[in-house]
Amino acid sequence: MSELTTAQVQHVARLARLEIGEEELAALRDSMGNILTYIERLSEVDTDGVEPMVHAIELSNVFREDHVKPSLSREAALSNAPSTDGRYFLGPAILDGDQ
């Protein structure tokens, strides 16, 4: 691959909405060039017969089956609450009434 120009690096930075200084251009040009060289090397790998995949390892559903079970009664659920109205949990007001 041919070496990247400063103009190409500035164009990519503009597309990414990045402001880079003149002193950063040379380092960024070298880094981007190294990345592109590596990608070029990857394109040489023979991938014929390799199925595309989303993950590098096989994933399976890790969720358990849903089983309906009895839940707590309202009284039991509210029994340890610091403040209730007998029907709901009560908490401190977080909004000012003037809004």
N, C-alpha and C. Protein backbone atom coordinates (compact mmCIF):
# COMPACT_ATOMS: atom_id res chain seq x y z
N MET A 1 0.85 -1.18 0.00
CA MET A 1 0.00 0.00 0.00
C MET A 1 0.88 1.23 0.00
N SER A 2 0.47 2.21 -0.74
CA SER A 2 1.23 3.45 -0.77
C SER A 2 1.03 4.20 0.54
N GLU A 3 2.00 5.02 0.89
CA GLU A 3 1.95 5.74 2.14
C GLU A 3 0.86 6.80 2.11
N LEU A 4 0.22 7.00 3.24
CA LEU A 4 -0.84 8.01 3.33
C LEU A 4 -0.25 9.41 3.25
N THR A 5 -1.00 10.29 2.66
CA THR A 5 -0.58 11.69 2.60
C THR A 5 -1.20 12.45 3.77
N THR A 6 -0.63 13.59 4.05
CA THR A 6 -1.17 14.45 5.11
C THR A 6 -2.59 14.87 4.76
N ALA A 7 -2.85 15.12 3.50
CA ALA A 7 -4.19 15.53 3.07
C ALA A 7 -5.21 14.42 3.34
N GLN A 8 -4.82 13.17 3.14
CA GLN A 8 -5.74 12.06 3.40
C GLN A 8 -6.04 11.95 4.89
N VAL A 9 -5.02 12.12 5.72
CA VAL A 9 -5.22 12.07 7.17
C VAL A 9 -6.13 13.21 7.61
N GLN A 10 -5.92 14.39 7.07
CA GLN A 10 -6.78 15.53 7.41
C GLN A 10 -8.21 15.28 6.96
N HIS A 11 -8.38 14.65 5.81
CA HIS A 11 -9.72 14.33 5.31
C HIS A 11 -10.43 13.35 6.25
N VAL A 12 -9.73 12.31 6.67
CA VAL A 12 -10.32 11.34 7.60
C VAL A 12 -10.65 12.02 8.92
N ALA A 13 -9.78 12.87 9.41
CA ALA A 13 -10.04 13.59 10.66
C ALA A 13 -11.26 14.48 10.52
N ARG A 14 -11.40 15.14 9.40
CA ARG A 14 -12.56 16.00 9.16
C ARG A 14 -13.84 15.17 9.14
N LEU A 15 -13.80 14.00 8.49
CA LEU A 15 -14.97 13.13 8.46
C LEU A 15 -15.36 12.64 9.86
N ALA A 16 -14.35 12.42 10.70
CA ALA A 16 -14.58 11.97 12.07
C ALA A 16 -14.84 13.12 13.03
N ARG A 17 -14.87 14.33 12.48
CA ARG A 17 -15.10 15.54 13.27
C ARG A 17 -14.04 15.70 14.37
N LEU A 18 -12.78 15.42 13.99
CA LEU A 18 -11.66 15.57 14.92
C LEU A 18 -10.83 16.77 14.52
N GLU A 19 -10.38 17.50 15.50
CA GLU A 19 -9.44 18.59 15.27
C GLU A 19 -8.08 18.09 15.70
N ILE A 20 -7.16 18.00 14.75
CA ILE A 20 -5.81 17.55 15.08
C ILE A 20 -4.83 18.63 14.69
N GLY A 21 -3.82 18.79 15.52
CA GLY A 21 -2.81 19.81 15.26
C GLY A 21 -1.77 19.30 14.28
N GLU A 22 -0.98 20.23 13.79
CA GLU A 22 0.06 19.89 12.82
C GLU A 22 1.07 18.90 13.40
N GLU A 23 1.35 19.03 14.70
CA GLU A 23 2.33 18.13 15.32
C GLU A 23 1.81 16.70 15.43
N GLU A 24 0.49 16.53 15.44
CA GLU A 24 -0.10 15.20 15.53
C GLU A 24 -0.24 14.51 14.17
N LEU A 25 -0.18 15.27 13.10
CA LEU A 25 -0.41 14.72 11.77
C LEU A 25 0.57 13.61 11.40
N ALA A 26 1.85 13.82 11.65
CA ALA A 26 2.85 12.82 11.26
C ALA A 26 2.65 11.52 12.03
N ALA A 27 2.42 11.63 13.35
CA ALA A 27 2.22 10.42 14.16
C ALA A 27 0.94 9.70 13.74
N LEU A 28 -0.10 10.46 13.49
CA LEU A 28 -1.37 9.86 13.07
C LEU A 28 -1.26 9.24 11.69
N ARG A 29 -0.51 9.86 10.81
CA ARG A 29 -0.30 9.31 9.47
C ARG A 29 0.43 7.97 9.57
N ASP A 30 1.44 7.89 10.43
CA ASP A 30 2.17 6.63 10.61
C ASP A 30 1.28 5.55 11.22
N SER A 31 0.50 5.92 12.23
CA SER A 31 -0.39 4.95 12.88
C SER A 31 -1.44 4.43 11.91
N MET A 32 -2.06 5.33 11.17
CA MET A 32 -3.08 4.91 10.21
C MET A 32 -2.46 4.06 9.10
N GLY A 33 -1.24 4.38 8.69
CA GLY A 33 -0.55 3.59 7.69
C GLY A 33 -0.28 2.18 8.18
N ASN A 34 0.11 2.06 9.46
CA ASN A 34 0.35 0.73 10.04
C ASN A 34 -0.93 -0.09 10.10
N ILE A 35 -2.03 0.55 10.45
CA ILE A 35 -3.32 -0.14 10.50
C ILE A 35 -3.71 -0.64 9.11
N LEU A 36 -3.58 0.22 8.12
CA LEU A 36 -3.94 -0.18 6.76
C LEU A 36 -3.04 -1.29 6.23
N THR A 37 -1.76 -1.25 6.60
CA THR A 37 -0.83 -2.32 6.19
C THR A 37 -1.26 -3.65 6.81
N TYR A 38 -1.67 -3.62 8.08
CA TYR A 38 -2.12 -4.84 8.75
C TYR A 38 -3.39 -5.37 8.10
N ILE A 39 -4.31 -4.49 7.78
CA ILE A 39 -5.55 -4.92 7.13
C ILE A 39 -5.24 -5.53 5.76
N GLU A 40 -4.28 -4.94 5.08
CA GLU A 40 -3.87 -5.50 3.78
C GLU A 40 -3.32 -6.91 3.95
N ARG A 41 -2.56 -7.14 5.00
CA ARG A 41 -2.04 -8.48 5.28
C ARG A 41 -3.17 -9.45 5.58
N LEU A 42 -4.19 -8.99 6.31
CA LEU A 42 -5.33 -9.86 6.62
C LEU A 42 -6.09 -10.28 5.36
N SER A 43 -6.11 -9.41 4.37
CA SER A 43 -6.84 -9.75 3.14
C SER A 43 -6.15 -10.87 2.37
N GLU A 44 -4.91 -11.17 2.70
CA GLU A 44 -4.18 -12.26 2.04
C GLU A 44 -4.53 -13.63 2.62
N VAL A 45 -5.21 -13.67 3.76
CA VAL A 45 -5.55 -14.93 4.41
C VAL A 45 -6.64 -15.63 3.60
N ASP A 46 -6.46 -16.92 3.39
CA ASP A 46 -7.43 -17.72 2.65
C ASP A 46 -8.63 -18.01 3.54
N THR A 47 -9.77 -17.46 3.19
CA THR A 47 -10.99 -17.67 3.98
C THR A 47 -12.04 -18.45 3.20
N ASP A 48 -11.65 -19.10 2.13
CA ASP A 48 -12.59 -19.92 1.37
C ASP A 48 -13.11 -21.05 2.25
N GLY A 49 -14.40 -21.24 2.26
CA GLY A 49 -15.00 -22.30 3.06
C GLY A 49 -15.22 -21.95 4.51
N VAL A 50 -14.90 -20.74 4.91
CA VAL A 50 -15.11 -20.32 6.30
C VAL A 50 -16.43 -19.57 6.37
N GLU A 51 -17.32 -20.07 7.20
CA GLU A 51 -18.63 -19.44 7.35
C GLU A 51 -18.50 -18.12 8.11
N PRO A 52 -19.18 -17.07 7.67
CA PRO A 52 -19.16 -15.81 8.43
C PRO A 52 -19.79 -16.03 9.80
N MET A 53 -19.29 -15.33 10.79
CA MET A 53 -19.82 -15.48 12.14
C MET A 53 -19.92 -14.13 12.83
N VAL A 54 -20.81 -14.07 13.78
CA VAL A 54 -20.99 -12.84 14.55
C VAL A 54 -20.04 -12.82 15.74
N HIS A 55 -19.82 -14.00 16.35
CA HIS A 55 -18.94 -14.12 17.51
C HIS A 55 -17.84 -15.13 17.21
N ALA A 56 -16.73 -14.97 17.87
CA ALA A 56 -15.61 -15.89 17.66
C ALA A 56 -15.84 -17.24 18.32
N ILE A 57 -16.73 -17.29 19.31
CA ILE A 57 -17.03 -18.56 19.96
C ILE A 57 -18.51 -18.85 19.82
N GLU A 58 -18.87 -20.11 19.90
CA GLU A 58 -20.27 -20.52 19.80
C GLU A 58 -21.04 -20.06 21.04
N LEU A 59 -22.15 -19.42 20.83
CA LEU A 59 -22.99 -18.97 21.94
C LEU A 59 -24.28 -19.78 21.96
N SER A 60 -24.77 -20.01 23.14
CA SER A 60 -26.07 -20.66 23.27
C SER A 60 -26.90 -19.88 24.27
N ASN A 61 -28.18 -20.10 24.22
CA ASN A 61 -29.08 -19.40 25.12
C ASN A 61 -28.79 -19.83 26.56
N VAL A 62 -28.50 -18.86 27.40
CA VAL A 62 -28.17 -19.17 28.79
C VAL A 62 -29.34 -18.89 29.73
N PHE A 63 -30.47 -18.55 29.17
CA PHE A 63 -31.63 -18.26 30.01
C PHE A 63 -32.32 -19.54 30.45
N ARG A 64 -32.82 -19.55 31.64
CA ARG A 64 -33.55 -20.71 32.14
C ARG A 64 -35.00 -20.61 31.69
N GLU A 65 -35.69 -21.69 31.77
CA GLU A 65 -37.11 -21.71 31.46
C GLU A 65 -37.87 -20.90 32.50
N ASP A 66 -38.92 -20.23 32.08
CA ASP A 66 -39.78 -19.51 33.01
C ASP A 66 -40.75 -20.49 33.65
N HIS A 67 -40.86 -20.40 34.97
CA HIS A 67 -41.81 -21.21 35.70
C HIS A 67 -42.63 -20.28 36.59
N VAL A 68 -43.91 -20.38 36.50
CA VAL A 68 -44.78 -19.54 37.32
C VAL A 68 -44.73 -20.05 38.75
N LYS A 69 -44.45 -19.13 39.68
CA LYS A 69 -44.40 -19.46 41.10
C LYS A 69 -45.21 -18.43 41.85
N PRO A 70 -45.70 -18.79 42.99
CA PRO A 70 -46.46 -17.80 43.77
C PRO A 70 -45.54 -16.67 44.24
N SER A 71 -46.08 -15.47 44.24
CA SER A 71 -45.29 -14.33 44.67
C SER A 71 -45.71 -13.91 46.07
N LEU A 72 -45.01 -12.92 46.60
CA LEU A 72 -45.33 -12.42 47.94
C LEU A 72 -46.69 -11.73 47.94
N SER A 73 -47.35 -11.82 49.05
CA SER A 73 -48.59 -11.04 49.20
C SER A 73 -48.19 -9.58 49.38
N ARG A 74 -49.12 -8.70 49.17
CA ARG A 74 -48.85 -7.27 49.34
C ARG A 74 -48.39 -6.99 50.77
N GLU A 75 -49.03 -7.59 51.73
CA GLU A 75 -48.67 -7.36 53.14
C GLU A 75 -47.24 -7.83 53.43
N ALA A 76 -46.86 -8.98 52.89
CA ALA A 76 -45.51 -9.50 53.12
C ALA A 76 -44.47 -8.61 52.44
N ALA A 77 -44.78 -8.14 51.24
CA ALA A 77 -43.84 -7.29 50.52
C ALA A 77 -43.65 -5.95 51.23
N LEU A 78 -44.70 -5.41 51.80
CA LEU A 78 -44.62 -4.10 52.46
C LEU A 78 -44.21 -4.19 53.92
N SER A 79 -44.11 -5.39 54.47
CA SER A 79 -43.89 -5.55 55.91
C SER A 79 -42.57 -4.94 56.39
N ASN A 80 -41.51 -4.95 55.62
CA ASN A 80 -40.23 -4.40 56.07
C ASN A 80 -39.93 -3.03 55.48
N ALA A 81 -40.87 -2.46 54.76
CA ALA A 81 -40.64 -1.15 54.15
C ALA A 81 -40.64 -0.08 55.23
N PRO A 82 -39.75 0.90 55.13
CA PRO A 82 -39.73 1.96 56.15
C PRO A 82 -40.97 2.84 56.12
N SER A 83 -41.60 2.96 54.93
CA SER A 83 -42.78 3.82 54.85
C SER A 83 -43.70 3.31 53.74
N THR A 84 -44.97 3.11 54.10
CA THR A 84 -45.98 2.68 53.13
C THR A 84 -47.28 3.40 53.43
N ASP A 85 -48.20 3.31 52.49
CA ASP A 85 -49.54 3.80 52.75
C ASP A 85 -50.51 2.63 52.87
N GLY A 86 -49.95 1.42 53.05
CA GLY A 86 -50.76 0.23 53.14
C GLY A 86 -50.96 -0.44 51.78
N ARG A 87 -50.72 0.30 50.72
CA ARG A 87 -50.90 -0.23 49.38
C ARG A 87 -49.62 -0.13 48.55
N TYR A 88 -48.84 0.95 48.76
CA TYR A 88 -47.64 1.21 47.98
C TYR A 88 -46.47 1.55 48.90
N PHE A 89 -45.24 1.39 48.36
CA PHE A 89 -44.05 1.88 49.04
C PHE A 89 -44.07 3.40 48.94
N LEU A 90 -43.64 4.08 50.00
CA LEU A 90 -43.53 5.54 49.97
C LEU A 90 -42.07 5.92 50.07
N GLY A 91 -41.68 6.93 49.31
CA GLY A 91 -40.31 7.44 49.35
C GLY A 91 -40.34 8.94 49.45
N PRO A 92 -39.18 9.54 49.62
CA PRO A 92 -39.14 10.99 49.74
C PRO A 92 -39.49 11.64 48.40
N ALA A 93 -40.13 12.80 48.49
CA ALA A 93 -40.46 13.56 47.28
C ALA A 93 -39.18 14.06 46.65
N ILE A 94 -39.08 13.93 45.33
CA ILE A 94 -37.87 14.39 44.66
C ILE A 94 -38.12 15.58 43.75
N LEU A 95 -39.36 15.91 43.53
CA LEU A 95 -39.71 17.06 42.69
C LEU A 95 -40.33 18.14 43.55
N ASP A 96 -39.97 19.37 43.28
CA ASP A 96 -40.54 20.50 43.99
C ASP A 96 -41.94 20.73 43.46
N GLY A 97 -42.88 21.01 44.30
CA GLY A 97 -44.27 21.21 43.90
C GLY A 97 -44.47 22.43 43.03
N ASP A 98 -43.50 23.37 42.98
CA ASP A 98 -43.65 24.59 42.20
C ASP A 98 -43.40 24.38 40.70
N GLN A 99 -42.93 23.23 40.32
CA GLN A 99 -42.57 23.03 38.91
C GLN A 99 -43.73 22.58 38.09
